[in-house]
Protein backbone atom coordinates (compact mmCIF):
# COMPACT_ATOMS: atom_id res chain seq x y z
CA MET A 1 -14.08 -57.09 27.07
CA ARG A 2 -15.19 -59.96 29.29
CA LYS A 3 -14.92 -57.95 32.49
CA TYR A 4 -17.31 -55.35 31.08
CA TYR A 5 -19.79 -57.98 29.94
CA ALA A 6 -19.57 -59.62 33.38
CA LEU A 7 -20.96 -56.45 34.95
CA TYR A 8 -24.24 -57.14 33.14
CA LYS A 9 -24.25 -60.93 33.28
CA LYS A 10 -27.97 -61.05 34.08
CA GLN A 11 -28.87 -59.01 31.01
CA PHE A 12 -26.59 -61.10 28.78
CA ILE A 13 -28.37 -64.28 29.96
CA LEU A 14 -31.96 -63.08 30.26
CA GLY A 15 -32.01 -61.07 27.02
CA PRO A 16 -30.99 -63.87 24.61
CA ALA A 17 -33.21 -66.35 26.50
CA CYS A 18 -36.23 -64.10 25.93
CA LYS A 19 -35.28 -63.62 22.29
CA LEU A 20 -34.98 -67.37 21.73
CA THR A 21 -38.38 -67.88 23.34
CA GLU A 22 -39.83 -65.29 20.98
CA ALA A 23 -38.23 -67.12 18.04
CA ILE A 24 -39.79 -70.41 19.13
CA LEU A 25 -43.21 -68.76 19.28
CA GLU A 26 -42.61 -67.23 15.85
CA LEU A 27 -41.85 -70.68 14.42
CA LEU A 28 -45.21 -71.96 15.70
CA VAL A 29 -47.27 -69.28 13.94
CA PRO A 30 -47.03 -70.83 10.40
CA LEU A 31 -48.22 -74.17 11.81
CA VAL A 32 -51.26 -72.52 13.37
CA MET A 33 -51.97 -70.74 10.08
CA ALA A 34 -51.69 -74.08 8.25
CA ARG A 35 -54.27 -75.60 10.61
CA ILE A 36 -56.68 -72.76 9.92
CA VAL A 37 -56.30 -73.22 6.14
CA ASP A 38 -56.43 -77.03 6.18
CA VAL A 39 -59.06 -77.63 8.89
CA GLY A 40 -61.04 -74.51 9.71
CA ILE A 41 -61.71 -73.06 6.26
CA PRO A 42 -62.58 -76.33 4.37
CA ASN A 43 -64.96 -77.40 7.12
CA ASN A 44 -66.36 -73.87 7.54
CA ASP A 45 -65.67 -74.33 11.28
CA VAL A 46 -65.94 -70.76 12.58
CA PRO A 47 -65.33 -71.65 16.27
CA TYR A 48 -62.16 -73.52 15.28
CA ILE A 49 -60.98 -70.60 13.15
CA LEU A 50 -61.63 -68.17 16.03
CA LYS A 51 -59.83 -70.48 18.47
CA MET A 52 -56.78 -70.74 16.21
CA GLY A 53 -56.92 -66.99 15.55
CA ALA A 54 -56.95 -66.34 19.30
CA LEU A 55 -53.98 -68.69 19.66
CA MET A 56 -52.09 -66.67 17.01
CA VAL A 57 -52.89 -63.43 18.85
CA LEU A 58 -51.72 -65.01 22.10
CA LEU A 59 -48.47 -66.18 20.46
CA GLY A 60 -47.93 -62.68 19.05
CA ALA A 61 -48.64 -60.98 22.39
CA ALA A 62 -46.35 -63.37 24.26
CA GLY A 63 -43.64 -62.85 21.65
CA LEU A 64 -44.03 -59.08 22.02
CA GLY A 65 -43.64 -59.35 25.79
CA PHE A 66 -40.46 -61.41 25.50
CA ALA A 67 -39.11 -59.02 22.86
CA VAL A 68 -39.72 -55.99 25.11
CA VAL A 69 -37.86 -57.67 27.99
CA CYS A 70 -34.96 -58.49 25.65
CA GLN A 71 -34.91 -54.94 24.32
CA TYR A 72 -34.78 -53.56 27.87
CA CYS A 73 -31.90 -55.90 28.79
CA ALA A 74 -30.05 -54.87 25.64
CA ALA A 75 -30.53 -51.16 26.39
CA VAL A 76 -29.31 -51.54 29.98
CA ALA A 77 -26.22 -53.54 28.98
CA GLN A 78 -25.49 -51.33 25.98
CA GLN A 79 -25.53 -48.07 27.90
CA GLY A 80 -23.88 -49.58 30.96
CA VAL A 81 -20.93 -51.08 29.08
CA GLY A 82 -20.46 -47.81 27.18
CA THR A 83 -20.52 -45.74 30.36
CA VAL A 84 -18.00 -47.92 32.21
CA LEU A 85 -15.79 -48.23 29.14
CA ARG A 86 -15.65 -44.46 28.61
CA ARG A 87 -14.82 -43.94 32.27
CA ASP A 88 -12.03 -46.52 32.21
CA LEU A 89 -10.66 -45.22 28.93
CA LEU A 90 -10.46 -41.64 30.19
CA HIS A 91 -8.92 -42.85 33.46
CA LYS A 92 -6.32 -44.83 31.49
CA ILE A 93 -5.48 -41.78 29.39
CA HIS A 94 -4.86 -39.82 32.60
CA THR A 95 -2.54 -42.53 33.92
CA LEU A 96 -0.33 -42.33 30.83
CA SER A 97 2.63 -40.01 30.98
CA SER A 98 3.15 -37.30 28.40
CA ALA A 99 5.64 -39.58 26.63
CA ASP A 100 3.14 -42.48 26.64
CA ARG A 101 0.37 -40.31 25.21
CA ALA A 102 2.64 -39.23 22.37
CA ALA A 103 1.90 -42.63 20.79
CA PHE A 104 -1.72 -41.53 20.30
CA SER A 105 -2.83 -38.30 18.70
CA ASN A 106 -5.53 -36.23 20.39
CA ALA A 107 -7.80 -36.77 17.39
CA THR A 108 -7.61 -40.57 17.58
CA LEU A 109 -8.19 -40.54 21.35
CA VAL A 110 -11.33 -38.43 20.87
CA THR A 111 -12.54 -40.80 18.13
CA ARG A 112 -11.90 -43.85 20.29
CA ILE A 113 -13.71 -42.47 23.32
CA THR A 114 -16.73 -41.41 21.22
CA ASN A 115 -17.28 -43.13 17.88
CA ASP A 116 -15.47 -46.39 18.68
CA ILE A 117 -17.33 -46.88 21.95
CA ASN A 118 -20.60 -46.11 20.14
CA GLN A 119 -19.76 -48.94 17.73
CA ILE A 120 -19.02 -51.26 20.68
CA GLN A 121 -22.37 -50.33 22.22
CA SER A 122 -24.12 -51.27 18.97
CA GLY A 123 -22.28 -54.60 19.04
CA VAL A 124 -23.43 -55.24 22.62
CA ALA A 125 -27.05 -54.55 21.64
CA MET A 126 -26.79 -56.87 18.63
CA LEU A 127 -25.16 -59.57 20.75
CA ILE A 128 -28.13 -59.66 23.09
CA ARG A 129 -30.94 -59.07 20.59
CA LEU A 130 -30.05 -60.84 17.36
CA VAL A 131 -26.83 -62.85 17.41
CA PHE A 132 -28.66 -65.96 18.73
CA ARG A 133 -32.13 -65.28 17.32
CA SER A 134 -31.24 -65.08 13.62
CA PRO A 135 -29.23 -68.35 13.41
CA PHE A 136 -31.89 -70.08 15.52
CA LEU A 137 -34.68 -68.90 13.20
CA ILE A 138 -32.72 -70.00 10.12
CA ALA A 139 -32.00 -73.43 11.60
CA GLY A 140 -35.51 -73.73 13.05
CA SER A 141 -37.18 -72.83 9.77
CA LEU A 142 -35.07 -75.42 7.95
CA VAL A 143 -35.95 -78.10 10.52
CA MET A 144 -39.67 -77.25 10.34
CA ALA A 145 -39.54 -77.33 6.53
CA MET A 146 -37.85 -80.74 6.64
CA ALA A 147 -40.51 -81.97 9.05
CA LEU A 148 -43.27 -80.87 6.68
CA ASP A 149 -41.67 -82.27 3.50
CA LEU A 150 -38.09 -83.50 3.23
CA ARG A 151 -37.89 -83.18 -0.57
CA MET A 152 -39.25 -79.64 -0.61
CA SER A 153 -36.59 -78.66 1.96
CA VAL A 154 -34.00 -79.07 -0.81
CA ILE A 155 -35.26 -75.73 -2.16
CA PHE A 156 -34.54 -74.18 1.24
CA PHE A 157 -30.98 -75.51 1.35
CA THR A 158 -30.30 -74.45 -2.23
CA ALA A 159 -31.59 -70.92 -1.63
CA GLY A 160 -29.68 -70.72 1.67
CA PHE A 161 -26.44 -71.82 0.01
CA ILE A 162 -26.75 -69.23 -2.78
CA VAL A 163 -27.62 -66.43 -0.32
CA SER A 164 -24.68 -67.42 1.90
CA ALA A 165 -22.35 -67.28 -1.10
CA ILE A 166 -23.63 -63.79 -1.96
CA MET A 167 -23.15 -62.66 1.64
CA TYR A 168 -19.61 -64.04 1.75
CA TYR A 169 -18.69 -62.27 -1.49
CA VAL A 170 -20.05 -58.91 -0.36
CA LEU A 171 -18.90 -59.00 3.27
CA SER A 172 -15.40 -60.36 2.58
CA ARG A 173 -14.74 -57.29 0.45
CA SER A 174 -16.52 -54.67 2.52
CA LEU A 175 -15.51 -55.59 6.06
CA PRO A 176 -11.77 -54.67 5.70
CA LEU A 177 -12.84 -51.22 4.58
CA TYR A 178 -14.44 -50.38 7.94
CA ARG A 179 -11.05 -50.07 9.65
CA LYS A 180 -9.99 -47.70 6.88
CA ILE A 181 -13.10 -45.64 7.55
CA GLN A 182 -12.09 -45.28 11.22
CA GLN A 183 -8.58 -44.22 10.21
CA LYS A 184 -9.89 -41.66 7.71
CA LEU A 185 -12.27 -40.37 10.39
CA ASP A 186 -9.30 -39.89 12.74
CA GLY A 187 -7.55 -37.78 10.13
CA LEU A 188 -10.65 -35.71 9.39
CA LEU A 189 -11.19 -35.07 13.10
CA ARG A 190 -7.56 -33.96 13.46
CA ILE A 191 -7.97 -31.44 10.64
CA THR A 192 -11.23 -30.20 12.16
CA GLY A 193 -9.64 -29.74 15.59
CA GLU A 194 -6.69 -27.84 14.13
CA ASN A 195 -9.05 -25.53 12.23
CA LEU A 196 -11.24 -24.84 15.25
CA SER A 197 -8.35 -24.21 17.66
CA GLY A 198 -6.30 -22.21 15.15
CA VAL A 199 -9.06 -20.22 13.48
CA ARG A 200 -7.45 -16.87 14.34
CA VAL A 201 -4.09 -17.89 12.89
CA ILE A 202 -5.80 -19.24 9.77
CA ARG A 203 -7.60 -15.95 9.22
CA ALA A 204 -4.57 -13.83 10.08
CA PHE A 205 -2.44 -15.58 7.45
CA VAL A 206 -5.28 -15.85 4.92
CA ARG A 207 -5.17 -19.65 4.98
CA SER A 208 -8.93 -20.24 4.89
CA ARG A 209 -8.93 -21.48 1.30
CA HIS A 210 -5.97 -23.79 1.92
CA GLU A 211 -7.56 -25.25 5.06
CA THR A 212 -10.89 -25.65 3.29
CA GLU A 213 -9.16 -27.55 0.50
CA ARG A 214 -7.26 -29.69 3.03
CA PHE A 215 -10.51 -30.55 4.81
CA ALA A 216 -12.25 -31.22 1.48
CA ASP A 217 -9.42 -33.58 0.50
CA GLY A 218 -9.70 -35.54 3.77
CA ASN A 219 -13.49 -35.55 3.49
CA GLU A 220 -13.29 -36.79 -0.09
CA LYS A 221 -10.99 -39.66 0.92
CA LEU A 222 -13.43 -40.67 3.67
CA THR A 223 -16.34 -40.40 1.24
CA ARG A 224 -14.62 -42.60 -1.35
CA VAL A 225 -14.06 -45.40 1.18
CA CYS A 226 -17.66 -45.10 2.45
CA MET A 227 -18.96 -45.19 -1.14
CA ARG A 228 -16.99 -48.36 -1.84
CA VAL A 229 -18.64 -50.00 1.16
CA ALA A 230 -22.06 -48.66 0.17
CA ARG A 231 -21.75 -49.95 -3.41
CA LEU A 232 -20.79 -53.41 -2.16
CA ASN A 233 -23.62 -53.51 0.38
CA ALA A 234 -26.07 -52.26 -2.25
CA TYR A 235 -25.83 -55.66 -3.96
CA LEU A 236 -26.72 -57.58 -0.81
CA ASN A 237 -30.46 -56.98 -0.38
CA PRO A 238 -31.55 -57.09 -4.09
CA LEU A 239 -29.64 -60.32 -4.78
CA THR A 240 -30.87 -61.89 -1.53
CA PHE A 241 -34.49 -60.95 -2.23
CA ALA A 242 -34.19 -62.23 -5.80
CA VAL A 243 -32.91 -65.64 -4.64
CA ILE A 244 -35.56 -65.99 -1.93
CA ASN A 245 -38.38 -64.92 -4.24
CA LEU A 246 -37.19 -67.46 -6.80
CA GLY A 247 -37.19 -69.99 -3.98
CA ILE A 248 -40.78 -69.06 -3.06
CA ALA A 249 -41.77 -69.36 -6.72
CA ALA A 250 -40.18 -72.83 -6.83
CA LEU A 251 -42.09 -73.77 -3.68
CA LEU A 252 -45.38 -72.71 -5.23
CA VAL A 253 -44.68 -74.51 -8.52
CA PHE A 254 -43.49 -77.81 -7.08
CA GLY A 255 -45.84 -77.51 -4.13
CA GLY A 256 -48.78 -77.14 -6.53
CA TYR A 257 -47.97 -80.49 -8.09
CA LYS A 258 -47.74 -82.07 -4.63
CA VAL A 259 -51.09 -80.57 -3.61
CA GLU A 260 -52.69 -82.04 -6.73
CA ALA A 261 -51.08 -85.35 -5.92
CA GLY A 262 -52.36 -85.15 -2.35
CA SER A 263 -48.96 -85.40 -0.68
CA LEU A 264 -49.11 -81.80 0.63
CA THR A 265 -51.94 -79.57 1.77
CA GLN A 266 -52.53 -75.91 0.93
CA GLY A 267 -51.86 -74.96 4.54
CA GLU A 268 -48.50 -76.71 4.48
CA ILE A 269 -47.56 -74.79 1.33
CA ILE A 270 -48.43 -71.55 3.15
CA ALA A 271 -46.36 -72.69 6.15
CA LEU A 272 -43.39 -73.52 3.89
CA THR A 273 -43.68 -70.10 2.22
CA ASN A 274 -43.70 -68.42 5.65
CA TYR A 275 -40.62 -70.37 6.68
CA MET A 276 -38.88 -69.30 3.47
CA THR A 277 -39.73 -65.67 4.26
CA GLN A 278 -38.44 -66.09 7.81
CA ILE A 279 -35.17 -67.46 6.45
CA LEU A 280 -34.93 -64.48 4.10
CA LEU A 281 -35.43 -61.92 6.83
CA SER A 282 -33.15 -63.76 9.26
CA ILE A 283 -30.33 -64.01 6.72
CA ILE A 284 -30.58 -60.28 5.96
CA VAL A 285 -30.63 -59.45 9.66
CA PHE A 286 -27.71 -61.80 10.31
CA ALA A 287 -25.73 -60.09 7.52
CA ASN A 288 -26.33 -56.73 9.22
CA VAL A 289 -25.30 -58.28 12.54
CA ILE A 290 -22.02 -59.41 10.98
CA VAL A 291 -21.41 -55.89 9.68
CA VAL A 292 -22.13 -54.36 13.11
CA PHE A 293 -19.93 -56.96 14.80
CA THR A 294 -17.09 -56.29 12.39
CA LYS A 295 -17.28 -52.56 13.06
CA ALA A 296 -17.46 -53.26 16.80
CA GLY A 297 -14.52 -55.68 16.55
CA ALA A 298 -12.37 -53.05 14.85
CA SER A 299 -13.41 -50.55 17.52
CA VAL A 300 -12.65 -53.02 20.32
CA ASP A 301 -9.12 -53.42 18.95
CA ARG A 302 -8.64 -49.64 18.88
CA VAL A 303 -10.00 -49.14 22.41
CA LYS A 304 -8.09 -52.15 23.70
CA GLU A 305 -4.90 -50.67 22.27
CA VAL A 306 -5.28 -47.74 24.66
CA LEU A 307 -6.47 -49.80 27.63
CA ASP A 308 -3.58 -52.24 27.19
CA ALA A 309 -0.98 -49.48 26.91
CA GLU A 310 1.39 -50.07 29.82
CA PRO A 311 2.36 -46.83 31.57
CA THR A 312 6.11 -46.39 31.62
CA MET A 313 5.75 -44.17 34.70
CA HIS A 314 4.56 -45.95 37.83
CA GLU A 315 3.29 -44.17 40.92
CA GLY A 316 5.29 -44.38 44.13
CA ALA A 317 3.95 -45.11 47.59
CA GLN A 318 5.39 -42.23 49.67
CA HIS A 319 2.84 -39.57 50.62
CA THR A 320 4.84 -37.66 53.24
CA PHE A 321 7.94 -35.49 53.04
CA ASP A 322 10.89 -34.64 55.27
CA GLU A 323 10.19 -31.18 56.71
CA ALA A 324 13.87 -30.61 57.46
CA ALA A 325 15.16 -31.46 53.96
CA ASN A 326 15.90 -29.07 51.13
CA ALA A 327 12.96 -28.12 48.95
CA VAL A 328 14.49 -29.33 45.67
CA GLU A 329 17.61 -31.38 44.95
CA VAL A 330 18.45 -32.02 41.30
CA ARG A 331 21.33 -34.49 41.20
CA HIS A 332 23.21 -34.96 37.92
CA VAL A 333 20.01 -35.20 35.89
CA ASP A 334 20.01 -36.23 32.23
CA PHE A 335 16.91 -36.33 30.08
CA CYS A 336 15.96 -37.19 26.52
CA PHE A 337 12.62 -38.11 25.03
CA PRO A 338 11.87 -41.78 24.30
CA ASP A 339 13.14 -42.98 20.91
CA SER A 340 15.54 -40.05 20.82
CA GLU A 341 19.25 -39.97 21.55
CA GLU A 342 19.52 -36.18 21.80
CA LYS A 343 19.82 -35.02 25.41
CA LEU A 344 17.63 -32.08 26.35
CA LEU A 345 19.24 -31.89 29.80
CA SER A 346 22.77 -32.99 30.60
CA ASP A 347 24.28 -33.36 34.08
CA VAL A 348 22.01 -30.73 35.64
CA ASP A 349 22.88 -30.40 39.32
CA PHE A 350 21.67 -27.83 41.88
CA THR A 351 19.93 -27.49 45.26
CA ILE A 352 17.11 -25.16 46.32
CA ARG A 353 16.62 -24.60 50.03
CA ARG A 354 13.22 -24.29 51.63
CA GLY A 355 11.81 -20.76 51.37
CA GLU A 356 14.17 -19.64 48.59
CA THR A 357 13.05 -17.68 45.55
CA VAL A 358 14.88 -19.04 42.53
CA GLY A 359 14.97 -17.86 38.95
CA ILE A 360 15.65 -20.19 36.03
CA ILE A 361 16.63 -18.31 32.90
CA GLY A 362 17.84 -19.22 29.46
CA GLY A 363 17.08 -18.83 25.80
CA THR A 364 14.50 -20.69 23.76
CA GLY A 365 15.23 -24.42 23.80
CA ALA A 366 17.51 -24.19 26.83
CA GLY A 367 15.48 -26.88 28.67
CA LYS A 368 13.72 -24.72 31.24
CA SER A 369 10.19 -26.11 30.76
CA VAL A 370 11.53 -29.66 30.50
CA LEU A 371 13.21 -29.21 33.87
CA VAL A 372 10.04 -28.05 35.66
CA ASN A 373 8.07 -30.87 34.03
CA LEU A 374 10.56 -33.27 35.59
CA LEU A 375 10.02 -31.64 38.99
CA LEU A 376 6.30 -32.46 38.67
CA ARG A 377 7.17 -35.87 37.24
CA LEU A 378 5.29 -35.32 34.03
CA TYR A 379 8.29 -37.14 32.59
CA ASP A 380 10.85 -39.40 34.26
CA VAL A 381 14.54 -38.52 34.26
CA THR A 382 16.79 -40.54 31.97
CA GLY A 383 19.64 -40.38 34.47
CA GLY A 384 20.25 -38.99 37.97
CA GLU A 385 17.46 -38.17 40.40
CA ILE A 386 15.24 -35.35 41.60
CA ARG A 387 14.27 -35.01 45.25
CA ILE A 388 11.44 -32.92 46.66
CA PHE A 389 11.76 -32.35 50.41
CA GLY A 390 14.07 -35.33 50.71
CA ARG A 391 11.96 -37.77 48.66
CA ASP A 392 12.81 -39.03 45.20
CA VAL A 393 9.87 -37.93 43.03
CA ARG A 394 9.65 -41.50 41.67
CA ASP A 395 8.90 -42.75 45.19
CA CYS A 396 6.05 -40.28 45.82
CA THR A 397 2.38 -40.65 45.04
CA PHE A 398 1.22 -38.33 42.28
CA ALA A 399 -1.33 -36.74 44.61
CA ALA A 400 1.25 -35.95 47.29
CA LEU A 401 3.82 -34.63 44.83
CA ARG A 402 1.41 -32.44 42.89
CA SER A 403 -0.24 -31.15 46.04
CA ALA A 404 3.14 -29.97 47.30
CA VAL A 405 4.21 -28.52 43.94
CA HIS A 406 1.90 -26.27 41.92
CA ILE A 407 2.77 -24.87 38.50
CA VAL A 408 1.55 -22.04 36.33
CA SER A 409 2.42 -23.27 32.85
CA GLN A 410 2.99 -21.25 29.72
CA GLY A 411 -0.39 -22.07 28.20
CA SER A 412 -3.24 -20.30 30.02
CA LYS A 413 -5.74 -23.16 30.10
CA LEU A 414 -9.15 -22.49 31.61
CA PHE A 415 -12.11 -24.86 31.63
CA GLN A 416 -15.74 -24.20 30.90
CA GLY A 417 -17.65 -23.47 34.09
CA THR A 418 -17.31 -20.61 36.55
CA VAL A 419 -14.38 -18.65 37.95
CA ARG A 420 -14.86 -20.41 41.30
CA GLU A 421 -14.81 -23.87 39.70
CA ASN A 422 -11.62 -23.03 37.79
CA LEU A 423 -9.91 -21.78 40.95
CA LEU A 424 -10.92 -24.78 43.04
CA CYS A 425 -10.12 -27.26 40.25
CA GLY A 426 -11.67 -30.09 42.27
CA LYS A 427 -10.16 -29.13 45.62
CA SER A 428 -12.30 -29.25 48.76
CA GLY A 429 -12.05 -27.40 52.05
CA ILE A 430 -11.07 -24.09 50.45
CA SER A 431 -12.63 -21.05 52.12
CA GLN A 432 -13.88 -17.87 50.48
CA GLU A 433 -11.01 -15.99 52.15
CA ASP A 434 -8.46 -18.34 50.54
CA LEU A 435 -9.94 -17.68 47.12
CA GLN A 436 -9.95 -13.93 47.65
CA LYS A 437 -6.33 -14.03 48.83
CA ALA A 438 -5.28 -15.96 45.72
CA LEU A 439 -7.11 -13.46 43.49
CA ARG A 440 -5.49 -10.55 45.33
CA ILE A 441 -1.95 -11.93 44.95
CA ALA A 442 -2.56 -12.72 41.25
CA GLN A 443 -3.80 -9.15 40.64
CA CYS A 444 -7.24 -10.44 39.55
CA ASP A 445 -9.05 -7.25 40.58
CA PHE A 446 -11.22 -7.57 37.45
CA VAL A 447 -13.11 -10.49 39.06
CA ASP A 448 -14.65 -8.16 41.64
CA LYS A 449 -15.98 -6.01 38.80
CA LEU A 450 -17.83 -8.91 37.20
CA PRO A 451 -21.59 -8.88 37.98
CA GLU A 452 -21.50 -12.50 39.22
CA GLY A 453 -18.07 -12.25 40.87
CA LEU A 454 -16.60 -15.68 41.53
CA ASP A 455 -19.65 -17.28 39.96
CA ALA A 456 -19.09 -15.50 36.65
CA PRO A 457 -19.17 -17.94 33.71
CA VAL A 458 -16.00 -19.06 31.97
CA GLU A 459 -16.53 -20.08 28.38
CA GLU A 460 -14.65 -22.90 26.68
CA GLY A 461 -10.93 -22.18 26.85
CA GLY A 462 -11.64 -18.94 28.75
CA LYS A 463 -12.28 -17.11 25.47
CA ASN A 464 -14.49 -14.54 27.23
CA PHE A 465 -11.37 -13.25 29.03
CA SER A 466 -8.31 -11.53 27.62
CA GLY A 467 -4.92 -13.25 27.49
CA GLY A 468 -3.65 -11.35 30.51
CA GLN A 469 -6.79 -12.10 32.52
CA ARG A 470 -6.51 -15.80 31.71
CA GLN A 471 -2.88 -15.83 32.87
CA ARG A 472 -3.74 -14.14 36.14
CA LEU A 473 -6.60 -16.56 36.79
CA CYS A 474 -4.18 -19.44 36.17
CA VAL A 475 -1.78 -17.90 38.71
CA ALA A 476 -4.63 -17.60 41.23
CA ARG A 477 -5.57 -21.25 40.62
CA ALA A 478 -1.99 -22.34 41.39
CA LEU A 479 -2.02 -20.34 44.63
CA VAL A 480 -5.18 -22.07 45.89
CA GLY A 481 -4.37 -25.05 48.11
CA ASP A 482 -1.31 -23.58 49.85
CA PRO A 483 1.47 -25.41 47.93
CA GLU A 484 4.95 -25.62 49.42
CA ILE A 485 6.59 -25.06 46.03
CA LEU A 486 5.18 -22.71 43.42
CA ILE A 487 6.53 -22.68 39.87
CA PHE A 488 5.87 -19.85 37.40
CA ASP A 489 6.82 -21.21 33.98
CA ASP A 490 6.99 -18.09 31.80
CA SER A 491 3.52 -17.27 33.10
CA SER A 492 3.69 -13.49 32.71
CA SER A 493 4.20 -13.29 28.95
CA ALA A 494 0.77 -11.68 28.47
CA LEU A 495 1.18 -9.24 31.39
CA ASP A 496 2.52 -5.72 31.22
CA TYR A 497 5.64 -4.93 33.26
CA ALA A 498 3.74 -3.07 35.98
CA THR A 499 1.23 -5.90 36.59
CA ASP A 500 4.03 -8.45 36.50
CA ALA A 501 6.05 -6.45 39.06
CA HIS A 502 3.04 -5.98 41.35
CA MET A 503 2.26 -9.70 41.20
CA ARG A 504 5.84 -10.70 42.04
CA ALA A 505 5.89 -8.23 44.92
CA ALA A 506 2.63 -9.68 46.26
CA VAL A 507 3.98 -13.22 45.96
CA SER A 508 7.13 -12.23 47.84
CA LYS A 509 5.11 -10.54 50.59
CA GLU A 510 2.23 -12.99 51.00
CA LEU A 511 4.08 -16.28 50.48
CA GLN A 512 6.98 -15.88 52.87
CA GLY A 513 8.46 -19.27 53.75
CA LYS A 514 7.30 -20.83 50.48
CA THR A 515 9.70 -21.95 47.76
CA VAL A 516 9.08 -20.05 44.52
CA LEU A 517 10.62 -20.76 41.11
CA TYR A 518 10.40 -18.26 38.26
CA VAL A 519 11.12 -19.71 34.84
CA ALA A 520 11.57 -16.88 32.38
CA GLN A 521 13.44 -15.37 29.49
CA ARG A 522 13.12 -11.84 30.88
CA VAL A 523 15.85 -10.79 33.29
CA SER A 524 13.47 -8.42 35.05
CA THR A 525 11.41 -11.40 36.21
CA VAL A 526 14.29 -13.20 37.95
CA ARG A 527 16.79 -10.48 38.91
CA ALA A 528 15.42 -10.13 42.47
CA ALA A 529 15.59 -13.88 43.14
CA ASP A 530 17.78 -15.30 45.89
CA LYS A 531 19.46 -17.49 43.31
CA ILE A 532 19.45 -17.59 39.51
CA ILE A 533 20.15 -20.77 37.53
CA LEU A 534 21.36 -20.10 33.99
CA LEU A 535 20.55 -22.84 31.48
CA ASP A 536 21.93 -23.06 27.97
CA ASP A 537 21.32 -25.97 25.62
CA GLY A 538 20.33 -28.23 28.52
CA VAL A 539 23.43 -27.49 30.59
CA VAL A 540 23.77 -25.34 33.73
CA ARG A 541 26.12 -22.49 32.78
CA GLY A 542 26.01 -20.63 36.06
CA ILE A 543 24.33 -20.33 39.48
CA GLY A 544 24.30 -17.23 41.65
CA THR A 545 22.64 -13.91 42.34
CA HIS A 546 22.02 -11.35 39.62
CA GLN A 547 25.01 -9.25 40.66
CA THR A 548 27.36 -12.24 40.83
CA LEU A 549 26.35 -13.66 37.48
CA TYR A 550 26.44 -10.27 35.76
CA ALA A 551 29.93 -9.69 37.02
CA GLU A 552 31.33 -13.17 36.39
CA ASN A 553 29.24 -14.90 33.68
CA GLU A 554 29.65 -13.70 30.11
CA LEU A 555 26.52 -15.45 28.80
CA TYR A 556 24.32 -13.96 31.52
CA ARG A 557 25.87 -10.54 30.91
CA GLU A 558 24.96 -10.80 27.21
CA ILE A 559 21.37 -11.62 28.08
CA CYS A 560 21.17 -8.67 30.50
CA ASP A 561 22.73 -6.23 28.06
CA SER A 562 20.24 -7.26 25.36
CA GLN A 563 17.28 -6.51 27.65
CA LEU A 564 18.38 -3.86 30.17
CA SER A 565 20.22 -0.59 30.09
CA GLU A 566 23.63 -0.50 31.75
CA SER A 567 22.31 1.33 34.80
CA GLU A 568 19.45 -1.20 35.22
CA ALA A 569 21.79 -4.17 34.83
CA VAL A 570 24.26 -3.12 37.50
CA SER A 571 21.71 -1.83 40.00
């Protein structure tokens, strides 16, 4: 965390310095009060009392000023560190590959970027405001008490030792529970996310009671851990106050004898009592600081775990392509997920020329989506290589590769905002005509019927659009930016046959010269392609046109016969 603290070095120096100055002024107040009691009141010296009273007001006002400056420094550093840390954490998450992110659940990443960073921010504020002030006040009060009367200071040390023992007992048992609280919170957030995203499925299968019970169980586990911590901490303040009040009582009893003997004055007894009270408050505050720091420490470890995660996929340096090379070359590619020995792709080998329309077909689990994810380098191949326009995808920058290759994935993911913002998706230099062309090809005629047109709002997840409308908007988004390779990964599952056919016809007409890949299970989607690649269980079982494969490949013929009539299959 040092590099984040270094960004606010001035605040981390100025804030504690102001707080220490305030503490020094606070230590002087009991001495001034003692002078008023011992000198001003016995002598009935009103001017002296007023002068000392004005000095106390001045000390209080100066202390307030220093405290305000410290509070401002703490607020600036607290919010600044949190802002930079959230930015870096989200950036780090985006640099991790899909395989790297599998080590962290979505729920725990959300908790770490919100709750954990909030805990770190609280730790930063405590570090500036109280971590130096409380120990200084405790030590300063003890020193001042020893200066007033060395024997009476024994009461201070005795009370301090007992309070420290109480704090150690309570904190040593409660602090380990805070990490458990974070873990239970992760689990509860995961259940909540699943319920919110799958509410329709839950209702359709009458699972509301089961999910409510599952949430209640997770909530109860979190509550039990929190209650254990609360019960332990409940002992802290009463026991601490009891010890300090007994200490004050001892001061008054033994101090009374010393006043009668003339070895102490009434004002010094009042000063000693004030110092005892300052020790009490400082110890309680310091105990709370330890709790906050422990929570922040656990959160730092959880955030650091993500920040220290080393991406297994490193970005290349090439940002240009060979215009004369083939669009795609897949050379003897093998792939399996990390920590798994089962190959999802085995010795996949084919070439796609520039401007070809290619269909990739196969049953569920054949490896079609895995293959297109490798083309975009969302994963790295286990063996072999993939080349895009003559460049190994591992040698290309992510920006160059993913600008040349656009994909319409199976899930129709839209973001909250407007239709225009979803189409642009951060791109610049896109004209209104380009957007209209993309909408026209994707058969998004419904956008023109919206009152706001391209500026129509899109709710979270695009829930104010139907499934087919969301898919067509996702197709339009992929068309924006003029990609050289366009991949449709089963992206017409929510479209009727007529709309799907019109969209493919528009793509063929409007995107001449572009390389288009259709990944599908429906033969009708790929039958007109220049080349069809048949995948089965991660292996290429055939490559050719529809007519060639139907005539020569038994597996392809079975797929066609299960979906098409005989006349449609042979036409």
